[in-house]
Protein backbone atom coordinates (compact mmCIF):
# COMPACT_ATOMS: atom_id res chain seq x y z
CA MET A 1 123.01 82.77 114.51
CA LYS A 2 122.86 79.87 116.97
CA HIS A 3 121.01 76.62 116.44
CA LEU A 4 117.27 77.04 117.25
CA VAL A 5 115.53 74.15 119.00
CA LEU A 6 111.74 74.45 118.59
CA LEU A 7 109.36 72.34 120.71
CA THR A 8 105.90 71.72 119.22
CA ASP A 9 102.83 69.49 119.53
CA ASN A 10 102.14 69.02 115.81
CA TYR A 11 104.39 71.08 113.55
CA PRO A 12 105.48 69.90 111.02
CA ASN A 13 104.42 66.25 111.39
CA THR A 14 100.65 66.72 111.40
CA ILE A 15 98.12 69.42 110.47
CA GLY A 16 97.96 71.29 113.81
CA GLU A 17 99.72 74.56 114.65
CA PHE A 18 99.19 75.84 111.10
CA PHE A 19 100.09 79.37 112.24
CA LEU A 20 103.70 78.25 112.74
CA ASP A 21 104.21 77.99 108.96
CA ASP A 22 104.54 81.75 108.42
CA GLU A 23 106.74 82.21 111.49
CA ILE A 24 109.20 79.46 110.56
CA ASN A 25 109.38 80.55 106.92
CA ILE A 26 110.46 84.01 108.11
CA ILE A 27 112.93 83.10 110.85
CA ALA A 28 114.43 79.91 109.33
CA SER A 29 116.84 81.85 107.14
CA LYS A 30 118.29 83.58 110.22
CA PHE A 31 119.57 80.31 111.73
CA GLU A 32 122.13 77.86 110.41
CA LYS A 33 119.94 75.03 111.62
CA ILE A 34 116.57 74.47 113.31
CA THR A 35 115.75 71.25 115.13
CA VAL A 36 112.04 70.68 115.80
CA LEU A 37 111.16 68.38 118.69
CA CYS A 38 107.59 67.31 117.92
CA ALA A 39 105.17 65.41 120.19
CA SER A 40 103.35 63.86 117.20
CA GLU A 41 104.54 61.09 114.94
CA LYS A 42 104.64 61.92 111.24
CA ASN A 43 101.52 61.31 109.18
CA ASN A 44 100.77 62.15 105.55
CA SER A 45 100.15 65.89 106.06
CA GLN A 46 103.04 66.77 103.67
CA ARG A 47 103.67 70.23 105.12
CA PRO A 48 106.41 72.09 103.24
CA ILE A 49 109.27 73.02 105.58
CA PRO A 50 112.50 75.00 105.11
CA GLN A 51 115.56 72.97 104.12
CA ASN A 52 117.54 73.66 107.28
CA ILE A 53 114.96 71.98 109.56
CA GLN A 54 115.54 68.61 111.20
CA VAL A 55 112.57 66.91 112.93
CA ILE A 56 112.76 64.61 115.97
CA GLU A 57 109.81 62.96 117.75
CA PHE A 58 109.88 62.59 121.54
CA THR A 59 106.74 60.57 122.28
CA LYS A 60 108.04 57.05 122.91
CA ILE A 61 108.69 55.95 126.50
CA ARG A 62 108.47 52.53 128.17
CA PHE A 63 105.92 51.89 130.94
CA ILE A 64 108.61 51.20 133.55
CA GLU A 65 110.29 54.52 132.71
CA ARG A 66 107.01 56.35 133.30
CA VAL A 67 106.62 54.65 136.70
CA LEU A 68 110.17 55.63 137.66
CA LEU A 69 109.58 59.22 136.57
CA ARG A 70 106.45 59.42 138.75
CA PHE A 71 108.52 58.27 141.71
CA LYS A 72 111.16 60.88 140.84
CA GLY A 73 108.41 63.51 140.65
CA LEU A 74 107.76 63.05 144.37
CA PHE A 75 111.13 64.75 144.94
CA PHE A 76 110.49 67.68 142.56
CA ARG A 77 110.34 70.64 144.93
CA PRO A 78 108.26 72.97 142.65
CA LEU A 79 105.47 70.34 142.72
CA TRP A 80 105.19 70.62 146.51
CA ASN A 81 105.61 74.41 146.40
CA GLU A 82 102.69 74.56 143.98
CA LEU A 83 100.50 72.43 146.25
CA LEU A 84 101.37 74.62 149.24
CA PHE A 85 100.36 77.84 147.48
CA LEU A 86 97.29 76.67 145.56
CA LYS A 87 94.83 78.05 148.10
CA LYS A 88 96.83 81.19 148.89
CA SER A 89 97.68 82.13 145.29
CA TYR A 90 94.81 80.77 143.19
CA ASN A 91 92.04 80.11 145.72
CA LEU A 92 92.02 76.45 144.68
CA ARG A 93 91.78 73.42 146.96
CA THR A 94 94.38 70.69 146.71
CA ASN A 95 92.87 67.42 145.49
CA PHE A 96 93.97 64.25 143.74
CA LEU A 97 93.15 65.62 140.26
CA ILE A 98 95.38 68.68 140.79
CA PHE A 99 98.16 66.43 142.11
CA LYS A 100 97.77 64.17 139.05
CA ILE A 101 98.01 67.19 136.69
CA LEU A 102 101.20 68.37 138.43
CA MET A 103 102.73 64.90 138.30
CA GLU A 104 101.78 64.34 134.66
CA ASP A 105 103.41 67.62 133.58
CA PHE A 106 106.55 66.66 135.50
CA VAL A 107 106.64 63.29 133.71
CA ARG A 108 105.98 64.78 130.27
CA SER A 109 108.59 67.50 130.78
CA SER A 110 111.09 64.81 131.83
CA ILE A 111 110.46 62.94 128.56
CA VAL A 112 111.18 66.14 126.61
CA MET A 113 114.32 66.76 128.68
CA LYS A 114 115.53 63.23 127.95
CA ALA A 115 115.12 63.86 124.20
CA LEU A 116 116.97 67.17 124.42
CA TYR A 117 119.87 65.61 126.32
CA LEU A 118 119.91 62.54 124.07
CA HIS A 119 120.32 64.68 120.96
CA GLN A 120 122.78 67.03 122.72
CA LEU A 121 120.60 70.13 122.27
CA THR A 122 121.14 71.92 125.58
CA ASP A 123 124.52 73.63 125.21
CA PRO A 124 123.98 77.35 126.09
CA SER A 125 126.81 78.36 123.76
CA LYS A 126 125.14 76.68 120.76
CA HIS A 127 121.38 76.41 121.31
CA ILE A 128 118.32 78.58 121.86
CA LEU A 129 115.44 76.49 123.27
CA TYR A 130 112.00 77.73 122.18
CA SER A 131 108.72 76.12 123.25
CA TYR A 132 105.75 77.16 121.13
CA TRP A 133 103.45 76.63 124.14
CA HIS A 134 103.60 77.67 127.80
CA ASP A 135 103.07 74.08 128.96
CA TYR A 136 105.05 70.94 129.86
CA LYS A 137 107.50 71.61 127.01
CA ALA A 138 108.20 75.04 128.49
CA LEU A 139 108.59 73.32 131.87
CA ALA A 140 111.25 71.04 130.34
CA ILE A 141 113.36 73.93 129.08
CA ALA A 142 112.80 75.93 132.29
CA ARG A 143 114.15 72.96 134.29
CA ILE A 144 117.13 72.69 131.95
CA ARG A 145 117.78 76.42 132.28
CA LYS A 146 117.80 76.04 136.07
CA LYS A 147 120.76 73.65 135.64
CA THR A 148 122.65 75.03 132.65
CA ASP A 149 121.60 78.69 132.33
CA CYS A 150 120.67 78.04 128.71
CA HIS A 151 118.47 80.37 126.63
CA ALA A 152 114.85 79.25 127.12
CA ILE A 153 111.86 81.07 125.60
CA ALA A 154 108.18 80.11 125.41
CA ARG A 155 105.09 81.61 123.77
CA CYS A 156 101.80 82.01 125.66
CA HIS A 157 98.52 81.79 123.69
CA ARG A 158 95.07 81.04 125.16
CA TRP A 159 94.44 77.66 126.81
CA ASP A 160 98.02 77.73 128.14
CA VAL A 161 97.38 81.13 129.81
CA TYR A 162 93.80 81.33 131.10
CA PHE A 163 92.95 79.01 133.99
CA TYR A 164 89.21 79.38 133.23
CA ALA A 165 89.70 77.93 129.73
CA ASN A 166 90.59 74.57 131.30
CA ASN A 167 88.76 71.90 133.26
CA PRO A 168 89.54 71.95 136.13
CA PRO A 169 90.30 75.72 135.98
CA TYR A 170 94.01 75.32 136.67
CA LEU A 171 97.36 75.23 134.86
CA PRO A 172 100.42 73.79 136.62
CA TYR A 173 103.78 75.46 137.34
CA ARG A 174 102.89 78.79 135.69
CA LYS A 175 104.64 80.99 138.27
CA TYR A 176 107.68 78.69 138.04
CA LEU A 177 107.72 79.11 134.23
CA LEU A 178 107.51 82.90 134.44
CA ASN A 179 110.38 82.98 136.93
CA GLU A 180 112.69 80.39 135.39
CA LEU A 181 112.36 80.92 131.62
CA SER A 182 114.56 83.55 129.99
CA LEU A 183 111.41 85.01 128.44
CA SER A 184 107.67 84.33 128.20
CA CYS A 185 106.13 85.89 125.07
CA SER A 186 102.38 86.53 125.22
CA ILE A 187 100.49 86.97 121.95
CA SER A 188 98.14 89.50 123.59
CA GLU A 189 98.15 92.36 126.09
CA ASP A 190 95.18 90.68 127.75
CA GLY A 191 97.30 87.59 128.37
CA ILE A 192 100.05 89.70 129.96
CA ASN A 193 97.60 91.53 132.24
CA TYR A 194 95.95 88.25 133.24
CA MET A 195 99.26 86.56 134.12
CA ARG A 196 100.60 89.59 136.00
CA GLN A 197 97.49 89.76 138.13
CA LEU A 198 96.91 86.04 138.73
CA HIS A 199 100.52 85.17 139.49
CA ASN A 200 101.44 88.50 141.12
CA PHE A 201 104.26 88.74 138.60
CA ASN A 202 105.77 92.13 137.80
CA ARG A 203 109.00 91.35 135.97
CA LYS A 204 108.61 93.28 132.69
CA ASP A 205 111.92 91.88 131.42
CA LYS A 206 110.54 88.33 131.70
CA LEU A 207 107.01 88.69 130.29
CA VAL A 208 106.65 90.55 126.99
CA LEU A 209 104.21 91.08 124.14
CA SER A 210 105.00 89.32 120.85
CA ARG A 211 102.07 89.27 118.45
CA LEU A 212 101.44 86.58 115.86
CA GLY A 213 100.80 87.53 112.24
CA LYS A 214 99.86 86.47 108.72
CA ILE A 215 101.55 86.88 105.36
CA ASN A 216 99.40 88.13 102.49
CA LYS A 217 101.23 89.41 99.43
CA GLU A 218 98.06 90.25 97.51
CA ASN A 219 96.15 93.53 97.58
CA PRO A 220 92.57 92.33 98.10
CA LEU A 221 90.87 95.74 98.29
CA SER A 222 90.22 95.91 94.55
CA ILE A 223 87.85 92.90 94.51
CA ILE A 224 84.38 93.76 93.23
CA SER A 225 81.48 92.81 95.48
CA ASN A 226 78.75 90.42 94.46
CA LEU A 227 75.64 92.56 94.80
CA ASP A 228 73.27 89.58 94.56
CA VAL A 229 74.57 87.59 97.51
CA ILE A 230 76.26 88.32 100.87
CA THR A 231 79.25 86.05 101.49
CA ILE A 232 80.04 85.26 105.13
CA CYS A 233 83.08 83.23 106.22
CA SER A 234 84.25 81.65 109.45
CA CYS A 235 87.32 79.58 110.24
CA SER A 236 87.86 77.48 113.36
CA THR A 237 87.94 73.99 114.76
CA LEU A 238 84.47 72.54 115.22
CA THR A 239 84.64 72.36 119.02
CA SER A 240 82.38 73.67 121.76
CA VAL A 241 84.59 76.66 122.65
CA LYS A 242 84.20 78.04 119.09
CA ARG A 243 80.35 78.05 119.30
CA VAL A 244 79.80 77.53 115.58
CA GLU A 245 76.16 76.69 116.36
CA LEU A 246 75.69 80.42 117.13
CA ILE A 247 76.98 81.26 113.64
CA ILE A 248 74.38 78.89 112.19
CA ASP A 249 71.63 80.66 114.20
CA PHE A 250 72.96 84.06 113.13
CA VAL A 251 73.11 83.12 109.43
CA LYS A 252 69.56 81.77 109.64
CA SER A 253 68.25 85.01 111.22
CA LEU A 254 70.15 87.28 108.81
CA SER A 255 68.97 85.31 105.77
CA VAL A 256 65.44 86.62 106.39
CA HIS A 257 66.72 90.03 105.21
CA VAL A 258 69.37 89.19 102.57
CA LYS A 259 70.53 86.33 100.37
CA ILE A 260 73.50 84.64 102.05
CA LYS A 261 76.31 82.27 101.21
CA TRP A 262 78.19 80.94 104.28
CA VAL A 263 81.56 79.18 104.07
CA HIS A 264 83.25 77.57 107.08
CA PHE A 265 86.87 76.39 107.08
CA GLY A 266 87.91 73.83 109.69
CA ASP A 267 87.03 70.45 111.15
CA GLY A 268 86.55 68.93 114.60
CA ILE A 269 84.70 66.59 116.91
CA LEU A 270 81.36 68.42 116.52
CA LYS A 271 81.33 68.17 112.73
CA GLU A 272 78.47 65.65 112.41
CA LYS A 273 76.34 67.45 114.99
CA LEU A 274 76.84 70.83 113.30
CA LEU A 275 76.19 69.40 109.82
CA LYS A 276 72.84 68.05 111.05
CA LEU A 277 71.99 71.38 112.70
CA ALA A 278 72.84 73.27 109.50
CA GLU A 279 70.79 70.85 107.42
CA VAL A 280 67.71 71.52 109.58
CA SER A 281 68.28 75.26 110.15
CA LEU A 282 69.69 76.54 106.86
CA ILE A 283 67.00 75.45 104.41
CA ASN A 284 67.34 77.29 101.06
CA ILE A 285 70.62 78.86 102.25
CA ASP A 286 73.87 78.22 100.40
CA TYR A 287 76.43 76.95 102.93
CA ASN A 288 79.58 74.87 102.79
CA PHE A 289 81.68 73.13 105.45
CA MET A 290 85.05 73.03 103.71
CA GLY A 291 86.82 70.86 106.30
CA ILE A 292 90.57 71.16 106.78
CA VAL A 293 91.97 73.38 104.04
CA PRO A 294 95.63 74.46 103.63
CA ASN A 295 96.24 78.00 104.84
CA ASP A 296 97.30 79.22 101.42
CA ASP A 297 94.01 78.00 99.96
CA ILE A 298 91.96 79.84 102.60
CA LEU A 299 93.88 83.04 101.92
CA ASN A 300 93.47 82.54 98.18
CA PHE A 301 89.70 82.18 98.67
CA TYR A 302 89.62 85.50 100.56
CA ASN A 303 91.80 87.20 97.97
CA VAL A 304 89.70 86.23 94.93
CA ASN A 305 86.19 86.26 96.44
CA PHE A 306 84.47 89.32 97.87
CA VAL A 307 83.75 88.27 101.47
CA ASP A 308 81.37 90.70 103.17
CA LEU A 309 81.90 89.54 106.74
CA PHE A 310 84.04 87.19 108.84
CA ILE A 311 82.52 85.80 112.07
CA ASN A 312 84.10 84.51 115.28
CA PHE A 313 81.72 83.76 118.17
CA SER A 314 84.21 81.98 120.46
CA GLU A 315 83.65 81.97 124.20
CA SER A 316 87.42 82.05 124.83
CA GLU A 317 90.35 83.27 122.71
CA GLY A 318 93.92 84.53 122.75
CA ILE A 319 93.98 86.58 119.57
CA PRO A 320 92.65 84.45 116.69
CA VAL A 321 95.02 84.01 113.74
CA SER A 322 91.88 83.39 111.66
CA ILE A 323 90.91 87.06 112.26
CA MET A 324 94.39 88.24 111.24
CA GLU A 325 93.97 86.22 108.06
CA ALA A 326 90.56 87.77 107.32
CA GLN A 327 91.84 91.29 107.97
CA SER A 328 94.81 90.71 105.66
CA ALA A 329 92.17 90.40 102.93
CA GLY A 330 90.33 93.54 104.09
CA ILE A 331 87.33 91.64 105.47
CA PRO A 332 85.37 93.32 108.31
CA VAL A 333 85.08 91.06 111.37
CA LEU A 334 82.18 90.37 113.72
CA ALA A 335 83.59 88.86 116.92
CA THR A 336 82.91 88.32 120.61
CA ASN A 337 84.80 90.41 123.16
CA VAL A 338 86.78 87.60 124.79
CA GLY A 339 90.49 87.26 125.62
CA GLY A 340 92.55 89.59 123.44
CA THR A 341 89.99 89.91 120.62
CA SER A 342 89.33 93.58 121.47
CA GLU A 343 92.99 94.24 120.56
CA ILE A 344 92.29 93.29 116.93
CA VAL A 345 88.57 94.05 116.36
CA ASN A 346 86.98 97.47 116.96
CA ASP A 347 84.20 99.71 115.64
CA GLU A 348 86.36 100.98 112.79
CA ASN A 349 87.33 97.64 111.27
CA GLY A 350 84.41 95.50 112.37
CA PHE A 351 81.92 94.77 115.13
CA LEU A 352 82.82 93.71 118.67
CA VAL A 353 79.95 92.19 120.65
CA GLU A 354 79.71 90.80 124.17
CA LYS A 355 80.17 87.07 124.71
CA ASP A 356 76.48 86.64 125.65
CA PHE A 357 75.20 88.90 122.89
CA ASN A 358 71.58 89.49 121.97
CA GLN A 359 71.17 87.90 118.56
CA GLU A 360 68.36 90.15 117.36
CA GLU A 361 70.38 93.27 118.15
CA VAL A 362 73.48 91.95 116.36
CA VAL A 363 71.46 90.87 113.32
CA SER A 364 69.99 94.38 113.21
CA ILE A 365 73.46 96.00 113.38
CA ILE A 366 74.84 93.78 110.61
CA GLN A 367 71.74 94.18 108.46
CA HIS A 368 72.10 97.96 108.75
CA TYR A 369 75.78 97.76 107.76
CA LEU A 370 75.09 95.46 104.79
CA SER A 371 72.43 97.83 103.49
CA SER A 372 74.69 100.89 103.84
CA ASN A 373 76.33 102.60 100.86
CA LYS A 374 79.60 101.62 99.16
CA VAL A 375 81.63 104.33 100.88
CA VAL A 376 80.74 103.11 104.41
CA LYS A 377 81.54 99.51 103.48
CA GLN A 378 84.82 100.44 101.84
CA GLN A 379 85.88 102.41 104.93
CA LYS A 380 85.38 99.28 107.07
CA ARG A 381 87.31 97.16 104.58
CA ASN A 382 90.17 99.67 104.41
CA ALA A 383 90.35 99.87 108.22
CA SER A 384 90.42 96.08 108.49
CA TYR A 385 93.27 95.81 105.98
CA GLU A 386 95.22 98.67 107.62
CA ASN A 387 94.87 97.06 111.05
CA TRP A 388 96.45 93.86 109.70
CA LYS A 389 99.18 95.84 107.96
CA GLN A 390 100.08 97.88 111.05
CA GLN A 391 99.61 95.28 113.80
CA TYR A 392 99.51 91.72 112.43
CA ASN A 393 101.77 91.61 109.39
CA ALA A 394 103.83 88.45 109.84
CA GLU A 395 106.91 89.91 108.15
CA THR A 396 107.08 92.67 110.75
CA ASN A 397 106.03 90.67 113.82
CA TYR A 398 108.25 87.63 113.27
CA ASN A 399 111.28 89.74 112.45
CA GLU A 400 110.64 91.51 115.77
CA PHE A 401 110.32 88.13 117.48
CA PHE A 402 113.69 87.11 116.05
CA LYS A 403 115.19 90.22 117.65
CA LEU A 404 113.75 89.02 120.99
CA LEU A 405 115.42 85.64 120.51
CA LYS A 406 118.67 87.42 119.70
CA THR A 407 118.38 89.65 122.78
CA CYS A 408 118.08 86.57 125.00
CA THR A 409 121.49 85.35 123.86
CA GLU A 410 123.33 88.59 124.65
CA PRO A 411 125.99 88.35 127.36
CA GLY A 412 124.48 88.72 130.82
CA ARG A 413 120.90 88.35 129.58
CA SER A 414 120.50 84.65 130.40
CA ALA A 415 121.88 84.85 133.89
CA HIS A 416 119.44 84.34 136.77
CA HIS A 417 118.70 87.43 138.83
């Protein structure tokens, strides 16, 4: 198969984009070579990567080059097209901040393009260009495709899809990306529906569903529960969108009825604030902020410990990989109905609640479930595991994604219509 060129923010140089590990491990063997263009410089994260991967950073640019690129951006027609249609298409007013966002994405995409040209990675007969995000990196390969008719694919997740998840509530060049890329792959049906409606985009051959997934080779359903204590887990960055403070409130309220142990995986800018809140709120409750933990270690924790419930109270999501991970270990999930979460959590495998849920009601529902008999609990656990197996098994989903990549390279597929 051709040479894959993967554009990332963090993988494999730093700890971000952890969910790419499973994907790359599955598809790496199908390519002779993979070149990763990464926006981050290498630190000491020591992520294991397949042998046929080469990593290039594209961050360095001189000040004068940036100034020249901004001048060049004034002649980039899609920038002016976007400004013309902001009000008509998105009901947004043109202002300096919007103009700055458009210009900055043009500049950043130009830096990526320069790196791709410099390393001779744009030949349509040799390379498939794949941006992990529907952002300026996708803009770079869309612009290249406009010139060379190369094979250019990008994934769409959450913040790079939903305008409302950003401040200001706008994402640049999205209609241009949908039109000019060979393929945009959304991780959720909700994302597809949102983009179709917002951008008035109906090309089903250009916007497709391609779910993420997790690998779990263990069978966790045989773990024996700890009858003395209820173990609750959560896994996310400690940022405002994840609303971990609501988990703290929930654990505090539930602990009135049962003995609880709460474990949170993940780090972030709100760590100190949340640690102080937990210290004040969770008196006589066993809790642990684990910080950044390798994926394999999180999965191992789920596989050897009986976790009664996994919680995600985010106010905005694509489809959380953390939920896929929990379900791969047969853990029922309590989550807010945002983004594509309703595609993975339902009444059979967990509990889906509204974003602005009533805490007392939810505590009552969970308390009732936790006090139910073994058969009821096991049914939930089985349904959670089956949902992962059928819908979010990485082996299946990433092999399907590889077929999509392959389809894009078929004769006649890459041509503009």
